[in-house]
PDB file of N, CA and C in Angstrom:
ATOM      1  N   UNK A   1     -37.511  34.306  89.380  1.00  0.00           N
ATOM      2  CA  UNK A   1     -37.051  35.123  90.497  1.00  0.00           C
ATOM      3  C   UNK A   1     -37.429  34.436  91.801  1.00  0.00           C
ATOM      4  N   UNK A   2     -36.601  34.677  92.816  1.00  0.00           N
ATOM      5  CA  UNK A   2     -36.859  34.137  94.145  1.00  0.00           C
ATOM      6  C   UNK A   2     -36.796  35.266  95.174  1.00  0.00           C
ATOM      7  N   UNK A   3     -37.634  35.157  96.187  1.00  0.00           N
ATOM      8  CA  UNK A   3     -37.565  36.036  97.353  1.00  0.00           C
ATOM      9  C   UNK A   3     -37.090  35.150  98.508  1.00  0.00           C
ATOM     10  N   UNK A   4     -35.947  35.515  99.107  1.00  0.00           N
ATOM     11  CA  UNK A   4     -35.330  34.684 100.141  1.00  0.00           C
ATOM     12  C   UNK A   4     -35.113  35.517 101.403  1.00  0.00           C
ATOM     13  N   UNK A   5     -35.497  34.928 102.538  1.00  0.00           N
ATOM     14  CA  UNK A   5     -35.224  35.568 103.826  1.00  0.00           C
ATOM     15  C   UNK A   5     -34.934  34.498 104.867  1.00  0.00           C
ATOM     16  N   UNK A   6     -33.934  34.736 105.685  1.00  0.00           N
ATOM     17  CA  UNK A   6     -33.541  33.841 106.772  1.00  0.00           C
ATOM     18  C   UNK A   6     -33.322  32.412 106.265  1.00  0.00           C
ATOM     19  N   UNK A   7     -32.726  32.312 105.076  1.00  0.00           N
ATOM     20  CA  UNK A   7     -32.367  31.016 104.529  1.00  0.00           C
ATOM     21  C   UNK A   7     -33.489  30.246 103.845  1.00  0.00           C
ATOM     22  N   UNK A   8     -34.682  30.809 103.788  1.00  0.00           N
ATOM     23  CA  UNK A   8     -35.824  30.136 103.172  1.00  0.00           C
ATOM     24  C   UNK A   8     -36.295  30.886 101.933  1.00  0.00           C
ATOM     25  N   UNK A   9     -36.714  30.142 100.923  1.00  0.00           N
ATOM     26  CA  UNK A   9     -37.335  30.758  99.749  1.00  0.00           C
ATOM     27  C   UNK A   9     -38.788  31.033 100.106  1.00  0.00           C
ATOM     28  N   UNK A  10     -39.137  32.304 100.131  1.00  0.00           N
ATOM     29  CA  UNK A  10     -40.490  32.741 100.495  1.00  0.00           C
ATOM     30  C   UNK A  10     -41.405  32.699  99.279  1.00  0.00           C
ATOM     31  N   UNK A  11     -40.855  33.060  98.112  1.00  0.00           N
ATOM     32  CA  UNK A  11     -41.630  33.067  96.872  1.00  0.00           C
ATOM     33  C   UNK A  11     -40.699  32.741  95.716  1.00  0.00           C
ATOM     34  N   UNK A  12     -41.269  32.129  94.668  1.00  0.00           N
ATOM     35  CA  UNK A  12     -40.486  31.814  93.470  1.00  0.00           C
ATOM     36  C   UNK A  12     -41.415  31.828  92.268  1.00  0.00           C
ATOM     37  N   UNK A  13     -41.008  32.602  91.234  1.00  0.00           N
ATOM     38  CA  UNK A  13     -41.835  32.695  90.031  1.00  0.00           C
ATOM     39  C   UNK A  13     -41.026  33.250  88.869  1.00  0.00           C
ATOM     40  N   UNK A  14     -41.376  32.801  87.656  1.00  0.00           N
ATOM     41  CA  UNK A  14     -40.817  33.382  86.432  1.00  0.00           C
ATOM     42  C   UNK A  14     -41.714  34.504  85.921  1.00  0.00           C
ATOM     43  N   UNK A  15     -42.777  34.807  86.666  1.00  0.00           N
ATOM     44  CA  UNK A  15     -43.776  35.778  86.233  1.00  0.00           C
ATOM     45  C   UNK A  15     -43.918  36.903  87.254  1.00  0.00           C
ATOM     46  N   UNK A  16     -42.843  37.678  87.452  1.00  0.00           N
ATOM     47  CA  UNK A  16     -42.952  38.836  88.341  1.00  0.00           C
ATOM     48  C   UNK A  16     -43.215  40.082  87.508  1.00  0.00           C
ATOM     49  N   UNK A  17     -43.839  41.060  88.148  1.00  0.00           N
ATOM     50  CA  UNK A  17     -44.089  42.357  87.523  1.00  0.00           C
ATOM     51  C   UNK A  17     -43.250  43.368  88.291  1.00  0.00           C
ATOM     52  N   UNK A  18     -42.423  44.139  87.584  1.00  0.00           N
ATOM     53  CA  UNK A  18     -41.559  45.121  88.239  1.00  0.00           C
ATOM     54  C   UNK A  18     -42.221  46.498  88.184  1.00  0.00           C
ATOM     55  N   UNK A  19     -42.436  47.064  89.369  1.00  0.00           N
ATOM     56  CA  UNK A  19     -42.993  48.409  89.504  1.00  0.00           C
ATOM     57  C   UNK A  19     -42.128  49.130  90.522  1.00  0.00           C
ATOM     58  N   UNK A  20     -41.604  50.287  90.129  1.00  0.00           N
ATOM     59  CA  UNK A  20     -40.742  51.089  91.008  1.00  0.00           C
ATOM     60  C   UNK A  20     -39.604  50.243  91.599  1.00  0.00           C
ATOM     61  N   UNK A  21     -38.973  49.436  90.751  1.00  0.00           N
ATOM     62  CA  UNK A  21     -37.830  48.588  91.107  1.00  0.00           C
ATOM     63  C   UNK A  21     -38.164  47.470  92.097  1.00  0.00           C
ATOM     64  N   UNK A  22     -39.435  47.185  92.304  1.00  0.00           N
ATOM     65  CA  UNK A  22     -39.847  46.079  93.168  1.00  0.00           C
ATOM     66  C   UNK A  22     -40.471  44.976  92.326  1.00  0.00           C
ATOM     67  N   UNK A  23     -40.075  43.738  92.602  1.00  0.00           N
ATOM     68  CA  UNK A  23     -40.667  42.586  91.922  1.00  0.00           C
ATOM     69  C   UNK A  23     -41.931  42.173  92.675  1.00  0.00           C
ATOM     70  N   UNK A  24     -43.041  42.189  91.986  1.00  0.00           N
ATOM     71  CA  UNK A  24     -44.307  41.725  92.547  1.00  0.00           C
ATOM     72  C   UNK A  24     -44.532  40.296  92.076  1.00  0.00           C
ATOM     73  N   UNK A  25     -44.569  39.361  93.041  1.00  0.00           N
ATOM     74  CA  UNK A  25     -44.741  37.941  92.760  1.00  0.00           C
ATOM     75  C   UNK A  25     -46.226  37.596  92.743  1.00  0.00           C
ATOM     76  N   UNK A  26     -46.640  36.666  91.881  1.00  0.00           N
ATOM     77  CA  UNK A  26     -48.025  36.208  91.943  1.00  0.00           C
ATOM     78  C   UNK A  26     -48.320  35.658  93.346  1.00  0.00           C
ATOM     79  N   UNK A  27     -49.478  35.971  93.872  1.00  0.00           N
ATOM     80  CA  UNK A  27     -49.842  35.544  95.234  1.00  0.00           C
ATOM     81  C   UNK A  27     -49.699  34.034  95.396  1.00  0.00           C
ATOM     82  N   UNK A  28     -50.050  33.266  94.373  1.00  0.00           N
ATOM     83  CA  UNK A  28     -49.988  31.812  94.512  1.00  0.00           C
ATOM     84  C   UNK A  28     -48.565  31.252  94.453  1.00  0.00           C
ATOM     85  N   UNK A  29     -47.571  32.124  94.197  1.00  0.00           N
ATOM     86  CA  UNK A  29     -46.172  31.677  94.208  1.00  0.00           C
ATOM     87  C   UNK A  29     -45.500  31.933  95.560  1.00  0.00           C
ATOM     88  N   UNK A  30     -46.242  32.564  96.465  1.00  0.00           N
ATOM     89  CA  UNK A  30     -45.724  32.898  97.795  1.00  0.00           C
ATOM     90  C   UNK A  30     -46.138  31.793  98.775  1.00  0.00           C
ATOM     91  N   UNK A  31     -45.182  31.326  99.563  1.00  0.00           N
ATOM     92  CA  UNK A  31     -45.465  30.268 100.538  1.00  0.00           C
ATOM     93  C   UNK A  31     -46.202  30.863 101.744  1.00  0.00           C
ATOM     94  N   UNK A  32     -47.503  30.609 101.787  1.00  0.00           N
ATOM     95  CA  UNK A  32     -48.373  31.199 102.799  1.00  0.00           C
ATOM     96  C   UNK A  32     -47.948  30.856 104.225  1.00  0.00           C
ATOM     97  N   UNK A  33     -47.263  29.728 104.408  1.00  0.00           N
ATOM     98  CA  UNK A  33     -46.873  29.328 105.770  1.00  0.00           C
ATOM     99  C   UNK A  33     -45.911  30.321 106.430  1.00  0.00           C
ATOM    100  N   UNK A  34     -45.264  31.171 105.622  1.00  0.00           N
ATOM    101  CA  UNK A  34     -44.334  32.157 106.166  1.00  0.00           C
ATOM    102  C   UNK A  34     -44.980  33.531 106.399  1.00  0.00           C
ATOM    103  N   UNK A  35     -46.227  33.716 105.954  1.00  0.00           N
ATOM    104  CA  UNK A  35     -46.889  35.010 106.036  1.00  0.00           C
ATOM    105  C   UNK A  35     -47.760  35.132 107.276  1.00  0.00           C
ATOM    106  N   UNK A  36     -47.676  36.295 107.904  1.00  0.00           N
ATOM    107  CA  UNK A  36     -48.529  36.621 109.043  1.00  0.00           C
ATOM    108  C   UNK A  36     -49.168  37.971 108.745  1.00  0.00           C
ATOM    109  N   UNK A  37     -50.497  38.023 108.779  1.00  0.00           N
ATOM    110  CA  UNK A  37     -51.187  39.289 108.516  1.00  0.00           C
ATOM    111  C   UNK A  37     -50.711  40.369 109.476  1.00  0.00           C
ATOM    112  N   UNK A  38     -50.594  41.587 108.951  1.00  0.00           N
ATOM    113  CA  UNK A  38     -50.178  42.742 109.746  1.00  0.00           C
ATOM    114  C   UNK A  38     -51.320  43.758 109.756  1.00  0.00           C
ATOM    115  N   UNK A  39     -51.335  44.557 110.779  1.00  0.00           N
ATOM    116  CA  UNK A  39     -52.326  45.640 110.855  1.00  0.00           C
ATOM    117  C   UNK A  39     -51.862  46.885 110.092  1.00  0.00           C
ATOM    118  N   UNK A  40     -50.643  46.863 109.566  1.00  0.00           N
ATOM    119  CA  UNK A  40     -50.071  48.024 108.893  1.00  0.00           C
ATOM    120  C   UNK A  40     -50.703  48.256 107.520  1.00  0.00           C
ATOM    121  N   UNK A  41     -50.970  49.522 107.228  1.00  0.00           N
ATOM    122  CA  UNK A  41     -51.465  49.938 105.915  1.00  0.00           C
ATOM    123  C   UNK A  41     -50.777  51.248 105.555  1.00  0.00           C
ATOM    124  N   UNK A  42     -50.495  51.422 104.278  1.00  0.00           N
ATOM    125  CA  UNK A  42     -49.978  52.689 103.778  1.00  0.00           C
ATOM    126  C   UNK A  42     -50.742  53.026 102.503  1.00  0.00           C
ATOM    127  N   UNK A  43     -50.633  54.270 102.079  1.00  0.00           N
ATOM    128  CA  UNK A  43     -51.329  54.692 100.867  1.00  0.00           C
ATOM    129  C   UNK A  43     -50.340  55.250  99.863  1.00  0.00           C
ATOM    130  N   UNK A  44     -50.452  54.780  98.637  1.00  0.00           N
ATOM    131  CA  UNK A  44     -49.684  55.317  97.515  1.00  0.00           C
ATOM    132  C   UNK A  44     -50.653  56.120  96.655  1.00  0.00           C
ATOM    133  N   UNK A  45     -50.263  57.336  96.233  1.00  0.00           N
ATOM    134  CA  UNK A  45     -51.188  58.161  95.458  1.00  0.00           C
ATOM    135  C   UNK A  45     -51.683  57.510  94.165  1.00  0.00           C
ATOM    136  N   UNK A  46     -50.842  56.694  93.539  1.00  0.00           N
ATOM    137  CA  UNK A  46     -51.277  56.126  92.256  1.00  0.00           C
ATOM    138  C   UNK A  46     -51.582  54.634  92.294  1.00  0.00           C
ATOM    139  N   UNK A  47     -51.127  53.934  93.376  1.00  0.00           N
ATOM    140  CA  UNK A  47     -51.414  52.494  93.477  1.00  0.00           C
ATOM    141  C   UNK A  47     -52.581  52.197  94.413  1.00  0.00           C
ATOM    142  N   UNK A  48     -52.777  53.028  95.424  1.00  0.00           N
ATOM    143  CA  UNK A  48     -53.882  52.834  96.353  1.00  0.00           C
ATOM    144  C   UNK A  48     -53.427  52.421  97.740  1.00  0.00           C
ATOM    145  N   UNK A  49     -54.309  51.706  98.448  1.00  0.00           N
ATOM    146  CA  UNK A  49     -54.059  51.297  99.824  1.00  0.00           C
ATOM    147  C   UNK A  49     -53.316  49.964  99.852  1.00  0.00           C
ATOM    148  N   UNK A  50     -52.154  49.969 100.513  1.00  0.00           N
ATOM    149  CA  UNK A  50     -51.346  48.753 100.638  1.00  0.00           C
ATOM    150  C   UNK A  50     -51.602  48.095 101.992  1.00  0.00           C
ATOM    151  N   UNK A  51     -51.604  46.781 101.981  1.00  0.00           N
ATOM    152  CA  UNK A  51     -51.666  45.979 103.198  1.00  0.00           C
ATOM    153  C   UNK A  51     -50.343  45.221 103.316  1.00  0.00           C
ATOM    154  N   UNK A  52     -50.024  44.775 104.533  1.00  0.00           N
ATOM    155  CA  UNK A  52     -48.722  44.160 104.778  1.00  0.00           C
ATOM    156  C   UNK A  52     -48.827  42.791 105.425  1.00  0.00           C
ATOM    157  N   UNK A  53     -47.764  42.023 105.233  1.00  0.00           N
ATOM    158  CA  UNK A  53     -47.543  40.769 105.936  1.00  0.00           C
ATOM    159  C   UNK A  53     -46.202  40.878 106.641  1.00  0.00           C
ATOM    160  N   UNK A  54     -46.103  40.254 107.797  1.00  0.00           N
ATOM    161  CA  UNK A  54     -44.808  40.012 108.412  1.00  0.00           C
ATOM    162  C   UNK A  54     -44.390  38.614 107.986  1.00  0.00           C
ATOM    163  N   UNK A  55     -43.093  38.364 107.980  1.00  0.00           N
ATOM    164  CA  UNK A  55     -42.575  37.036 107.647  1.00  0.00           C
ATOM    165  C   UNK A  55     -42.104  36.370 108.928  1.00  0.00           C
ATOM    166  N   UNK A  56     -42.434  35.094 109.081  1.00  0.00           N
ATOM    167  CA  UNK A  56     -41.933  34.319 110.202  1.00  0.00           C
ATOM    168  C   UNK A  56     -41.278  33.060 109.656  1.00  0.00           C
ATOM    169  N   UNK A  57     -39.967  32.945 109.920  1.00  0.00           N
ATOM    170  CA  UNK A  57     -39.179  31.812 109.440  1.00  0.00           C
ATOM    171  C   UNK A  57     -38.274  31.346 110.573  1.00  0.00           C
ATOM    172  N   UNK A  58     -38.317  30.052 110.896  1.00  0.00           N
ATOM    173  CA  UNK A  58     -37.447  29.464 111.913  1.00  0.00           C
ATOM    174  C   UNK A  58     -37.472  30.259 113.226  1.00  0.00           C
ATOM    175  N   UNK A  59     -38.660  30.709 113.622  1.00  0.00           N
ATOM    176  CA  UNK A  59     -38.809  31.419 114.889  1.00  0.00           C
ATOM    177  C   UNK A  59     -38.425  32.889 114.863  1.00  0.00           C
ATOM    178  N   UNK A  60     -37.980  33.383 113.710  1.00  0.00           N
ATOM    179  CA  UNK A  60     -37.629  34.804 113.585  1.00  0.00           C
ATOM    180  C   UNK A  60     -38.709  35.513 112.778  1.00  0.00           C
ATOM    181  N   UNK A  61     -38.988  36.761 113.168  1.00  0.00           N
ATOM    182  CA  UNK A  61     -40.022  37.543 112.488  1.00  0.00           C
ATOM    183  C   UNK A  61     -39.421  38.794 111.871  1.00  0.00           C
ATOM    184  N   UNK A  62     -39.836  39.083 110.653  1.00  0.00           N
ATOM    185  CA  UNK A  62     -39.452  40.285 109.934  1.00  0.00           C
ATOM    186  C   UNK A  62     -40.746  41.085 109.742  1.00  0.00           C
ATOM    187  N   UNK A  63     -40.996  42.080 110.618  1.00  0.00           N
ATOM    188  CA  UNK A  63     -42.273  42.796 110.585  1.00  0.00           C
ATOM    189  C   UNK A  63     -42.493  43.568 109.284  1.00  0.00           C
ATOM    190  N   UNK A  64     -43.688  43.431 108.750  1.00  0.00           N
ATOM    191  CA  UNK A  64     -44.120  44.203 107.569  1.00  0.00           C
ATOM    192  C   UNK A  64     -43.147  44.098 106.399  1.00  0.00           C
ATOM    193  N   UNK A  65     -42.591  42.919 106.179  1.00  0.00           N
ATOM    194  CA  UNK A  65     -41.576  42.735 105.140  1.00  0.00           C
ATOM    195  C   UNK A  65     -42.155  42.452 103.758  1.00  0.00           C
ATOM    196  N   UNK A  66     -43.469  42.281 103.684  1.00  0.00           N
ATOM    197  CA  UNK A  66     -44.120  42.038 102.393  1.00  0.00           C
ATOM    198  C   UNK A  66     -45.363  42.922 102.314  1.00  0.00           C
ATOM    199  N   UNK A  67     -45.669  43.354 101.103  1.00  0.00           N
ATOM    200  CA  UNK A  67     -46.875  44.173 100.947  1.00  0.00           C
ATOM    201  C   UNK A  67     -47.597  43.820  99.658  1.00  0.00           C
ATOM    202  N   UNK A  68     -48.864  44.212  99.644  1.00  0.00           N
ATOM    203  CA  UNK A  68     -49.708  43.955  98.476  1.00  0.00           C
ATOM    204  C   UNK A  68     -50.827  44.990  98.442  1.00  0.00           C
ATOM    205  N   UNK A  69     -51.446  45.110  97.301  1.00  0.00           N
ATOM    206  CA  UNK A  69     -52.551  46.039  97.108  1.00  0.00           C
ATOM    207  C   UNK A  69     -53.813  45.225  96.834  1.00  0.00           C
ATOM    208  N   UNK A  70     -54.693  45.069  97.844  1.00  0.00           N
ATOM    209  CA  UNK A  70     -55.885  44.245  97.655  1.00  0.00           C
ATOM    210  C   UNK A  70     -56.774  44.750  96.516  1.00  0.00           C
ATOM    211  N   UNK A  71     -56.874  46.062  96.386  1.00  0.00           N
ATOM    212  CA  UNK A  71     -57.683  46.669  95.329  1.00  0.00           C
ATOM    213  C   UNK A  71     -56.908  47.853  94.736  1.00  0.00           C
ATOM    214  N   UNK A  72     -55.901  47.557  93.906  1.00  0.00           N
ATOM    215  CA  UNK A  72     -55.094  48.661  93.359  1.00  0.00           C
ATOM    216  C   UNK A  72     -55.916  49.569  92.460  1.00  0.00           C
ATOM    217  N   UNK A  73     -55.477  50.811  92.381  1.00  0.00           N
ATOM    218  CA  UNK A  73     -56.117  51.766  91.467  1.00  0.00           C
ATOM    219  C   UNK A  73     -55.880  51.296  90.026  1.00  0.00           C
ATOM    220  N   UNK A  74     -56.687  51.777  89.090  1.00  0.00           N
ATOM    221  CA  UNK A  74     -56.561  51.325  87.690  1.00  0.00           C
ATOM    222  C   UNK A  74     -55.145  51.441  87.116  1.00  0.00           C
ATOM    223  N   UNK A  75     -54.402  52.470  87.491  1.00  0.00           N
ATOM    224  CA  UNK A  75     -53.045  52.664  86.956  1.00  0.00           C
ATOM    225  C   UNK A  75     -52.092  51.547  87.413  1.00  0.00           C
ATOM    226  N   UNK A  76     -52.470  50.832  88.478  1.00  0.00           N
ATOM    227  CA  UNK A  76     -51.610  49.774  89.015  1.00  0.00           C
ATOM    228  C   UNK A  76     -52.282  48.400  88.920  1.00  0.00           C
ATOM    229  N   UNK A  77     -53.189  48.248  88.010  1.00  0.00           N
ATOM    230  CA  UNK A  77     -53.945  46.995  87.904  1.00  0.00           C
ATOM    231  C   UNK A  77     -53.047  45.777  87.670  1.00  0.00           C
ATOM    232  N   UNK A  78     -51.848  45.995  87.123  1.00  0.00           N
ATOM    233  CA  UNK A  78     -50.941  44.875  86.844  1.00  0.00           C
ATOM    234  C   UNK A  78     -50.398  44.219  88.114  1.00  0.00           C
ATOM    235  N   UNK A  79     -50.576  44.848  89.286  1.00  0.00           N
ATOM    236  CA  UNK A  79     -50.091  44.237  90.529  1.00  0.00           C
ATOM    237  C   UNK A  79     -51.219  43.633  91.364  1.00  0.00           C
ATOM    238  N   UNK A  80     -52.406  43.550  90.800  1.00  0.00           N
ATOM    239  CA  UNK A  80     -53.519  42.872  91.482  1.00  0.00           C
ATOM    240  C   UNK A  80     -53.117  41.426  91.764  1.00  0.00           C
ATOM    241  N   UNK A  81     -53.392  40.950  92.966  1.00  0.00           N
ATOM    242  CA  UNK A  81     -53.075  39.570  93.386  1.00  0.00           C
ATOM    243  C   UNK A  81     -51.581  39.258  93.360  1.00  0.00           C
ATOM    244  N   UNK A  82     -50.747  40.258  93.685  1.00  0.00           N
ATOM    245  CA  UNK A  82     -49.294  40.092  93.713  1.00  0.00           C
ATOM    246  C   UNK A  82     -48.723  40.645  95.011  1.00  0.00           C
ATOM    247  N   UNK A  83     -47.559  40.125  95.388  1.00  0.00           N
ATOM    248  CA  UNK A  83     -46.913  40.485  96.659  1.00  0.00           C
ATOM    249  C   UNK A  83     -45.472  40.907  96.379  1.00  0.00           C
ATOM    250  N   UNK A  84     -45.034  41.979  97.041  1.00  0.00           N
ATOM    251  CA  UNK A  84     -43.653  42.457  96.918  1.00  0.00           C
ATOM    252  C   UNK A  84     -42.986  42.402  98.292  1.00  0.00           C
ATOM    253  N   UNK A  85     -41.652  42.488  98.295  1.00  0.00           N
ATOM    254  CA  UNK A  85     -40.882  42.308  99.529  1.00  0.00           C
ATOM    255  C   UNK A  85     -39.838  43.409  99.691  1.00  0.00           C
ATOM    256  N   UNK A  86     -39.423  43.630 100.935  1.00  0.00           N
ATOM    257  CA  UNK A  86     -38.340  44.554 101.277  1.00  0.00           C
ATOM    258  C   UNK A  86     -37.814  44.142 102.638  1.00  0.00           C
ATOM    259  N   UNK A  87     -37.149  45.046 103.349  1.00  0.00           N
ATOM    260  CA  UNK A  87     -36.627  44.809 104.712  1.00  0.00           C
ATOM    261  C   UNK A  87     -35.719  43.587 104.783  1.00  0.00           C
ATOM    262  N   UNK A  88     -34.755  43.516 103.899  1.00  0.00           N
ATOM    263  CA  UNK A  88     -33.766  42.457 103.967  1.00  0.00           C
ATOM    264  C   UNK A  88     -34.110  41.196 103.208  1.00  0.00           C
ATOM    265  N   UNK A  89     -35.274  41.157 102.574  1.00  0.00           N
ATOM    266  CA  UNK A  89     -35.626  40.011 101.745  1.00  0.00           C
ATOM    267  C   UNK A  89     -34.836  40.136 100.457  1.00  0.00           C
ATOM    268  N   UNK A  90     -34.055  39.117 100.127  1.00  0.00           N
ATOM    269  CA  UNK A  90     -33.248  39.136  98.906  1.00  0.00           C
ATOM    270  C   UNK A  90     -34.088  38.696  97.721  1.00  0.00           C
ATOM    271  N   UNK A  91     -33.996  39.455  96.651  1.00  0.00           N
ATOM    272  CA  UNK A  91     -34.661  39.091  95.393  1.00  0.00           C
ATOM    273  C   UNK A  91     -33.542  38.696  94.430  1.00  0.00           C
ATOM    274  N   UNK A  92     -33.547  37.432  94.022  1.00  0.00           N
ATOM    275  CA  UNK A  92     -32.480  36.907  93.164  1.00  0.00           C
ATOM    276  C   UNK A  92     -33.080  36.120  91.999  1.00  0.00           C
ATOM    277  N   UNK A  93     -32.269  35.981  90.958  1.00  0.00           N
ATOM    278  CA  UNK A  93     -32.715  35.177  89.802  1.00  0.00           C
ATOM    279  C   UNK A  93     -32.449  33.721  90.038  1.00  0.00           C
TER     280      UNK A  93
END
């Protein structure tokens, strides 16, 4: 699977975990040069506290377009050290 935004492959892996129709990519498959830490956090009742990254590619920024759970609750342990995408990021095979 690939995560693509603004013409660049942000992440690529054959080992994604699908939770609630979102592909969670292994953290080491995500190109860190495109990630910018965000101050945004949200809470999921069963996954826990989510943190976000904005994407910056070719001078364009997609705010809070990636998220991850630094310490997921036990029910979501399969997404530990994984990143998911939304906000126009294409997920393709």
